[in-house]
Amino acid sequence: MKQQYVSVITSVALCALMSACGGGGQESAKPTQQATPLDMSTVGTISGVVRFAGAVPEQSVAQLSGWAECASQHPQGNPPSGDVLVNDGRVQNALVYIKDGLGNRVFATPAEPVSVDQKGCLFFPRVVGVQVDQPLKFLNSDALAHNVHGFAQAAKAWNVSLSVKGMSRSVKVDKPETVIEVKCDIHPWMRAYVGAFPHPYFAVSGTDGAFTLPNLPPGEYTLEAWHERFGTRSQKVSLGSKEAKEVEVKFGGS
């Protein structure tokens, strides 16, 4: 009887320990919130171009010295890092998003993942946006080991290994955070940036500096743009019913 009693107590203690440490391997599910319906007959669009005024700073260069497996993929020399991409005054890789004005609306979370590749010992793309709890998939296309370390502050940080070519891992950012720096700890020059939002109104400017935020309800908004070298710019935007509003975001200058 005593032995049976001790066995029961031991089992209870182990279960409690596993629960406290997440030993079951399953995260507790968040309560599902009903998405706020959108009146599609009134939604509009904010679109525009991100520009840079003045002399454009030089792009940094990835220093691959001492990493033969990476340098061999760049026979022309150390590659540009991609931190300053400005074409004819138009800024690529600016993260543009609605910062304020959506109130307490709730939006459905997309099931399709946003993908980031590790290729040539660089992250591609360098800047992405996701919705909170949307899958964020990292892939290793190199024939060498990488890892993906997300230095989130408000959200839960992550650090996953991608040890062989073709391996992928998915994570979810569990809280909104405008910019999360992502690194490969093995190759210190490898950086990417992830913006996580509680809504779908964000975009990364393309090679022409353009961005579009579609299906936006009419309202008064704060539009913000972030760039890893140029900082942030904010402006107020009023959007009427069915309106297509064109705006310009400008970095640089005085």
Protein backbone atom coordinates (compact mmCIF):
# COMPACT_ATOMS: atom_id res chain seq x y z
CA MET A 1 0.00 0.00 0.00
CA LYS A 2 2.79 2.39 0.93
CA GLN A 3 4.61 1.65 -2.34
CA GLN A 4 1.41 2.29 -4.35
CA TYR A 5 0.87 5.60 -2.50
CA VAL A 6 4.41 6.75 -3.27
CA SER A 7 3.95 5.80 -6.93
CA VAL A 8 0.78 7.90 -7.18
CA ILE A 9 2.44 10.91 -5.54
CA THR A 10 5.43 10.58 -7.88
CA SER A 11 3.17 10.45 -10.93
CA VAL A 12 1.26 13.55 -9.83
CA ALA A 13 4.50 15.42 -9.20
CA LEU A 14 5.87 14.49 -12.62
CA CYS A 15 2.66 15.60 -14.34
CA ALA A 16 2.74 18.91 -12.50
CA LEU A 17 6.39 19.43 -13.47
CA MET A 18 5.71 18.63 -17.12
CA SER A 19 2.79 21.05 -17.15
CA ALA A 20 4.85 23.83 -15.61
CA CYS A 21 7.71 23.29 -18.04
CA GLY A 22 5.60 22.78 -21.13
CA GLY A 23 6.64 19.15 -21.25
CA GLY A 24 3.56 18.23 -23.23
CA GLY A 25 4.94 20.08 -26.24
CA GLN A 26 1.64 21.88 -26.90
CA GLU A 27 1.09 25.60 -26.38
CA SER A 28 -2.19 26.61 -24.83
CA ALA A 29 -4.53 27.78 -27.58
CA LYS A 30 -5.50 31.44 -27.64
CA PRO A 31 -9.21 32.18 -27.42
CA THR A 32 -10.59 32.73 -30.91
CA GLN A 33 -12.02 36.18 -31.49
CA GLN A 34 -14.64 36.83 -34.11
CA ALA A 35 -13.32 39.01 -36.92
CA THR A 36 -15.00 42.39 -37.26
CA PRO A 37 -17.03 42.44 -40.50
CA LEU A 38 -15.87 44.91 -43.15
CA ASP A 39 -18.33 46.79 -45.30
CA MET A 40 -16.64 46.06 -48.62
CA SER A 41 -18.82 48.65 -50.36
CA THR A 42 -17.01 51.44 -48.45
CA VAL A 43 -13.40 50.27 -48.18
CA GLY A 44 -10.64 52.24 -49.89
CA THR A 45 -6.91 52.09 -50.56
CA ILE A 46 -3.87 53.97 -49.38
CA SER A 47 -0.95 53.64 -51.76
CA GLY A 48 2.13 55.61 -52.56
CA VAL A 49 5.90 55.75 -52.93
CA VAL A 50 8.73 55.87 -50.40
CA ARG A 51 11.44 58.30 -51.49
CA PHE A 52 14.85 59.45 -50.30
CA ALA A 53 15.95 63.08 -50.68
CA GLY A 54 19.61 64.02 -50.84
CA ALA A 55 22.81 62.01 -51.07
CA VAL A 56 22.12 58.33 -50.53
CA PRO A 57 24.31 56.63 -47.87
CA GLU A 58 26.53 53.80 -49.04
CA GLN A 59 25.24 50.30 -48.66
CA SER A 60 27.15 48.14 -46.21
CA VAL A 61 28.98 45.03 -47.39
CA ALA A 62 28.76 41.56 -45.84
CA GLN A 63 32.23 40.61 -44.58
CA LEU A 64 32.68 36.95 -45.49
CA SER A 65 36.42 36.74 -44.81
CA GLY A 66 37.26 33.50 -43.04
CA TRP A 67 34.01 31.81 -44.09
CA ALA A 68 35.06 29.86 -47.18
CA GLU A 69 31.71 28.06 -47.55
CA CYS A 70 29.98 31.44 -47.84
CA ALA A 71 32.66 33.27 -49.85
CA SER A 72 32.65 30.52 -52.48
CA GLN A 73 29.07 31.46 -53.33
CA HIS A 74 30.14 35.04 -54.12
CA PRO A 75 33.10 34.75 -56.52
CA GLN A 76 32.96 38.48 -57.31
CA GLY A 77 33.72 39.35 -53.70
CA ASN A 78 31.86 40.30 -50.54
CA PRO A 79 28.22 40.95 -51.47
CA PRO A 80 26.22 44.06 -50.51
CA SER A 81 24.09 43.45 -47.43
CA GLY A 82 20.90 45.02 -48.82
CA ASP A 83 20.49 47.57 -46.02
CA VAL A 84 20.31 50.56 -48.41
CA LEU A 85 18.49 49.94 -51.68
CA VAL A 86 17.55 53.22 -53.35
CA ASN A 87 16.73 53.29 -57.06
CA ASP A 88 16.38 56.73 -58.65
CA GLY A 89 15.38 58.19 -55.28
CA ARG A 90 12.89 55.39 -54.53
CA VAL A 91 13.43 53.36 -51.36
CA GLN A 92 13.13 49.59 -51.34
CA ASN A 93 12.51 47.54 -48.17
CA ALA A 94 10.70 50.22 -46.19
CA LEU A 95 8.05 48.67 -43.95
CA VAL A 96 4.86 50.75 -44.26
CA TYR A 97 1.92 50.15 -41.93
CA ILE A 98 -1.12 51.61 -40.22
CA LYS A 99 0.07 52.58 -36.75
CA ASP A 100 -3.17 53.96 -35.37
CA GLY A 101 -6.81 54.47 -36.31
CA LEU A 102 -8.29 50.99 -36.57
CA GLY A 103 -9.81 51.11 -33.10
CA ASN A 104 -10.81 47.77 -31.60
CA ARG A 105 -11.41 45.97 -34.88
CA VAL A 106 -10.41 42.30 -34.99
CA PHE A 107 -8.98 40.71 -38.14
CA ALA A 108 -8.76 37.08 -39.24
CA THR A 109 -5.28 35.56 -39.18
CA PRO A 110 -4.04 34.23 -42.55
CA ALA A 111 -3.19 30.54 -42.66
CA GLU A 112 -0.65 30.84 -45.48
CA PRO A 113 2.94 31.36 -44.31
CA VAL A 114 5.29 34.23 -45.04
CA SER A 115 8.60 32.72 -46.17
CA VAL A 116 12.18 33.87 -45.62
CA ASP A 117 15.08 32.01 -47.24
CA GLN A 118 18.72 31.72 -46.17
CA LYS A 119 20.61 31.64 -49.45
CA GLY A 120 24.18 32.58 -50.25
CA CYS A 121 24.63 33.26 -46.52
CA LEU A 122 22.09 36.10 -46.66
CA PHE A 123 18.41 36.39 -45.75
CA PHE A 124 15.92 36.83 -48.60
CA PRO A 125 13.84 38.89 -48.35
CA ARG A 126 15.55 41.10 -45.82
CA VAL A 127 12.34 42.75 -44.57
CA VAL A 128 8.92 41.10 -44.20
CA GLY A 129 5.64 41.72 -42.43
CA VAL A 130 3.27 39.18 -40.88
CA GLN A 131 0.10 39.23 -38.86
CA VAL A 132 0.27 38.09 -35.26
CA ASP A 133 0.08 34.27 -35.13
CA GLN A 134 0.52 33.92 -38.90
CA PRO A 135 3.07 31.21 -39.79
CA LEU A 136 6.53 32.61 -40.50
CA LYS A 137 8.54 30.00 -42.39
CA PHE A 138 12.35 30.01 -42.55
CA LEU A 139 14.17 27.90 -45.14
CA ASN A 140 17.83 26.98 -45.52
CA SER A 141 18.84 26.78 -49.19
CA ASP A 142 22.56 26.58 -48.42
CA ALA A 143 24.59 23.39 -48.13
CA LEU A 144 25.76 24.42 -44.65
CA ALA A 145 24.23 24.97 -41.24
CA HIS A 146 22.36 28.15 -40.29
CA ASN A 147 20.12 29.12 -37.43
CA VAL A 148 17.36 31.71 -37.07
CA HIS A 149 17.40 33.82 -33.90
CA GLY A 150 14.52 36.26 -33.53
CA PHE A 151 15.27 38.95 -30.93
CA ALA A 152 11.67 39.81 -30.10
CA GLN A 153 11.01 42.06 -27.12
CA ALA A 154 7.23 42.23 -26.68
CA ALA A 155 6.63 38.90 -28.44
CA LYS A 156 8.19 35.55 -27.58
CA ALA A 157 11.75 35.27 -28.89
CA TRP A 158 12.85 32.22 -30.88
CA ASN A 159 16.05 30.47 -31.85
CA VAL A 160 15.77 27.51 -34.22
CA SER A 161 18.39 25.45 -36.05
CA LEU A 162 18.38 24.78 -39.79
CA SER A 163 21.30 22.39 -39.96
CA VAL A 164 21.02 21.00 -43.50
CA LYS A 165 20.06 22.22 -46.97
CA GLY A 166 16.33 22.14 -47.61
CA MET A 167 15.38 22.20 -43.94
CA SER A 168 12.67 24.61 -42.84
CA ARG A 169 11.07 25.67 -39.57
CA SER A 170 8.00 27.77 -38.89
CA VAL A 171 7.38 30.09 -35.96
CA LYS A 172 4.54 32.39 -34.96
CA VAL A 173 4.94 35.86 -33.47
CA ASP A 174 2.45 35.88 -30.61
CA LYS A 175 2.24 39.64 -29.96
CA PRO A 176 2.41 42.79 -32.09
CA GLU A 177 5.91 44.19 -32.50
CA THR A 178 6.80 46.71 -35.18
CA VAL A 179 10.34 45.49 -35.80
CA ILE A 180 12.01 42.26 -34.70
CA GLU A 181 15.67 41.82 -35.62
CA VAL A 182 16.52 38.34 -36.89
CA LYS A 183 20.07 36.98 -37.07
CA CYS A 184 22.01 33.85 -37.85
CA ASP A 185 24.27 33.37 -34.83
CA ILE A 186 26.67 31.26 -36.90
CA HIS A 187 27.23 33.95 -39.55
CA PRO A 188 27.02 37.30 -37.73
CA TRP A 189 26.49 39.51 -40.81
CA MET A 190 23.22 37.76 -41.67
CA ARG A 191 20.29 39.95 -40.67
CA ALA A 192 16.61 40.28 -41.47
CA TYR A 193 13.71 42.22 -39.99
CA VAL A 194 10.14 41.14 -39.24
CA GLY A 195 7.20 43.40 -38.47
CA ALA A 196 4.24 41.72 -36.72
CA PHE A 197 0.87 43.46 -36.73
CA PRO A 198 -2.63 42.75 -35.36
CA HIS A 199 -4.11 43.69 -38.74
CA PRO A 200 -3.37 43.16 -42.46
CA TYR A 201 -2.57 46.79 -43.33
CA PHE A 202 1.17 46.68 -43.89
CA ALA A 203 3.46 46.38 -46.89
CA VAL A 204 7.15 46.38 -47.82
CA SER A 205 8.09 48.85 -50.54
CA GLY A 206 9.31 47.27 -53.77
CA THR A 207 12.20 48.10 -56.08
CA ASP A 208 10.18 51.09 -57.32
CA GLY A 209 9.52 52.29 -53.77
CA ALA A 210 5.81 51.60 -54.17
CA PHE A 211 3.42 50.18 -51.58
CA THR A 212 -0.33 49.55 -51.39
CA LEU A 213 -2.66 49.01 -48.42
CA PRO A 214 -5.98 47.77 -49.88
CA ASN A 215 -9.43 47.15 -48.36
CA LEU A 216 -9.00 49.77 -45.65
CA PRO A 217 -12.14 51.05 -43.90
CA PRO A 218 -12.76 54.82 -44.17
CA GLY A 219 -11.26 56.70 -41.25
CA GLU A 220 -8.50 58.87 -39.82
CA TYR A 221 -5.18 57.04 -39.69
CA THR A 222 -1.57 57.40 -38.68
CA LEU A 223 0.57 55.93 -41.45
CA GLU A 224 4.13 55.05 -40.48
CA ALA A 225 7.15 53.86 -42.44
CA TRP A 226 10.24 52.21 -40.95
CA HIS A 227 13.62 51.64 -42.57
CA GLU A 228 16.60 49.98 -40.92
CA ARG A 229 19.02 52.79 -41.81
CA PHE A 230 16.70 55.77 -42.24
CA GLY A 231 14.51 55.48 -39.14
CA THR A 232 10.76 56.16 -39.10
CA ARG A 233 8.39 58.67 -40.67
CA SER A 234 4.75 59.20 -39.66
CA GLN A 235 1.90 61.16 -41.20
CA LYS A 236 -1.84 61.56 -40.78
CA VAL A 237 -4.01 60.25 -43.60
CA SER A 238 -7.76 60.75 -43.95
CA LEU A 239 -9.47 58.10 -46.07
CA GLY A 240 -13.02 58.56 -47.31
CA SER A 241 -15.51 55.93 -48.39
CA LYS A 242 -14.29 54.13 -51.54
CA GLU A 243 -11.38 56.57 -51.79
CA ALA A 244 -8.04 55.75 -53.36
CA LYS A 245 -5.57 57.98 -51.52
CA GLU A 246 -2.06 58.54 -52.88
CA VAL A 247 0.65 59.56 -50.42
CA GLU A 248 4.40 60.10 -50.46
CA VAL A 249 6.74 59.07 -47.66
CA LYS A 250 10.06 60.87 -47.68
CA PHE A 251 13.28 60.00 -45.87
CA GLY A 252 16.45 62.07 -45.90
CA GLY A 253 16.62 65.81 -46.49
CA SER A 254 16.61 68.39 -43.73
